[in-house]
Amino acid sequence: MTTTATRRRPANDSALAGILRIRDELDDGRLAQQHLEGDPQAFGALVDRYHTSLVDFINGTIPHAERAEDLVQEIFIRVFRHLRGFDQTKRFSTWIYAIASNVAESELWSRSRSENTPHPKI
């Protein structure tokens, strides 16, 4: 006797995207917690998940690919250092993008200061 299991599909692609987003958010929090509990691969999984989108986010503000990569590294350093302070009741993606926004804003501020500072004549 052969039975065929049928899989229920969401009514549309946006419903599926919503389900996947919620699942990913739960996974982010779980990965953060696993990292804090000593899992050596959990933080790498977060880096893998967010690296490309953070580079794209930073490139939207700082259109220099190499500098964007450096800034994304700075973002992950800050996340690593402050992960214990992350409120697990909040969305990890919101938290990491707030850090990214602060890093980008700092970079722009630094650039504007260096451009407005008179350089000594040689």
Protein backbone atom coordinates (compact mmCIF):
# COMPACT_ATOMS: atom_id res chain seq x y z
CA MET A 1 0.00 0.00 0.00
CA THR A 2 1.46 3.30 -1.09
CA THR A 3 0.39 6.58 0.46
CA THR A 4 1.19 10.00 -0.79
CA ALA A 5 1.67 12.68 1.79
CA THR A 6 0.36 16.02 0.68
CA ARG A 7 2.04 19.16 1.76
CA ARG A 8 0.00 22.23 2.56
CA ARG A 9 1.36 25.31 0.85
CA PRO A 10 0.68 28.86 1.96
CA ALA A 11 -1.92 30.64 -0.12
CA ASN A 12 0.71 32.90 -1.69
CA ASP A 13 4.43 33.61 -1.79
CA SER A 14 4.18 36.52 0.64
CA ALA A 15 2.73 34.22 3.28
CA LEU A 16 5.65 31.85 2.79
CA ALA A 17 8.10 34.75 3.01
CA GLY A 18 6.47 35.83 6.27
CA ILE A 19 6.76 32.34 7.72
CA LEU A 20 10.40 32.08 6.68
CA ARG A 21 11.18 35.53 8.12
CA ILE A 22 9.65 34.58 11.47
CA ARG A 23 11.56 31.29 11.47
CA ASP A 24 14.82 33.09 10.65
CA GLU A 25 14.22 35.59 13.45
CA LEU A 26 13.76 32.73 15.89
CA ASP A 27 16.90 31.10 14.51
CA ASP A 28 18.86 34.35 14.98
CA GLY A 29 17.93 34.53 18.65
CA ARG A 30 18.71 30.86 19.11
CA LEU A 31 22.10 31.27 17.39
CA ALA A 32 22.91 34.27 19.59
CA GLN A 33 22.04 32.25 22.68
CA GLN A 34 24.05 29.26 21.49
CA HIS A 35 27.06 31.53 20.96
CA LEU A 36 26.72 32.88 24.47
CA GLU A 37 26.56 29.31 25.74
CA GLY A 38 29.88 28.52 24.07
CA ASP A 39 28.93 27.06 20.68
CA PRO A 40 31.93 27.96 18.47
CA GLN A 41 29.93 27.77 15.22
CA ALA A 42 26.90 29.83 16.19
CA PHE A 43 28.48 33.25 15.69
CA GLY A 44 29.85 32.16 12.32
CA ALA A 45 26.33 31.21 11.28
CA LEU A 46 25.14 34.73 12.13
CA VAL A 47 28.02 36.20 10.15
CA ASP A 48 27.17 33.98 7.18
CA ARG A 49 23.52 34.99 7.39
CA TYR A 50 24.07 38.76 7.57
CA HIS A 51 27.38 39.49 5.81
CA THR A 52 26.09 40.05 2.27
CA SER A 53 23.06 42.10 3.27
CA LEU A 54 25.18 44.28 5.59
CA VAL A 55 27.72 44.92 2.82
CA ASP A 56 24.83 45.96 0.55
CA PHE A 57 23.39 48.16 3.32
CA ILE A 58 26.74 49.89 3.96
CA ASN A 59 27.42 50.25 0.21
CA GLY A 60 24.19 52.22 -0.02
CA THR A 61 25.78 54.85 2.22
CA ILE A 62 29.52 54.42 1.61
CA PRO A 63 29.98 53.46 -2.05
CA HIS A 64 33.51 52.08 -1.65
CA ALA A 65 33.56 48.28 -1.69
CA GLU A 66 36.76 47.81 0.32
CA ARG A 67 35.72 50.32 2.97
CA ALA A 68 32.27 48.71 3.17
CA GLU A 69 33.91 45.34 3.89
CA ASP A 70 36.02 46.95 6.64
CA LEU A 71 32.95 48.54 8.18
CA VAL A 72 31.04 45.25 8.12
CA GLN A 73 33.93 43.68 10.01
CA GLU A 74 33.62 46.50 12.55
CA ILE A 75 29.89 45.77 12.84
CA PHE A 76 30.55 42.10 13.62
CA ILE A 77 33.22 43.04 16.16
CA ARG A 78 30.69 45.25 17.93
CA VAL A 79 28.03 42.52 17.79
CA PHE A 80 30.50 40.02 19.24
CA ARG A 81 31.50 42.37 22.06
CA HIS A 82 27.96 43.40 22.97
CA LEU A 83 25.95 40.25 22.31
CA ARG A 84 25.42 39.70 26.05
CA GLY A 85 23.52 43.00 26.09
CA PHE A 86 21.20 41.98 23.26
CA ASP A 87 17.60 41.85 24.48
CA GLN A 88 16.37 38.40 23.42
CA THR A 89 12.78 39.69 23.38
CA LYS A 90 13.70 41.96 20.44
CA ARG A 91 14.48 41.12 16.83
CA PHE A 92 18.16 40.40 16.20
CA SER A 93 17.96 41.86 12.69
CA THR A 94 16.73 45.20 14.05
CA TRP A 95 19.58 45.26 16.55
CA ILE A 96 22.33 44.42 14.06
CA TYR A 97 21.03 46.96 11.53
CA ALA A 98 20.94 49.64 14.26
CA ILE A 99 24.61 48.89 14.88
CA ALA A 100 25.27 49.03 11.13
CA SER A 101 23.49 52.37 10.88
CA ASN A 102 25.59 53.78 13.74
CA VAL A 103 28.82 52.54 12.12
CA ALA A 104 27.84 54.08 8.75
CA GLU A 105 26.87 57.36 10.42
CA SER A 106 30.20 57.46 12.26
CA GLU A 107 32.05 56.86 9.01
CA LEU A 108 30.19 59.69 7.29
CA TRP A 109 30.83 62.00 10.22
CA SER A 110 34.55 61.16 10.17
CA ARG A 111 34.73 61.77 6.44
CA SER A 112 32.99 65.12 6.70
CA ARG A 113 35.33 66.20 9.50
CA SER A 114 38.43 65.22 7.54
CA GLU A 115 37.14 67.00 4.42
CA ASN A 116 36.39 70.19 6.38
CA THR A 117 39.64 70.20 8.31
CA PRO A 118 42.25 72.39 6.66
CA HIS A 119 45.34 70.38 5.80
CA PRO A 120 48.72 71.95 6.50
CA LYS A 121 50.51 73.31 3.47
CA ILE A 122 53.79 71.69 2.69
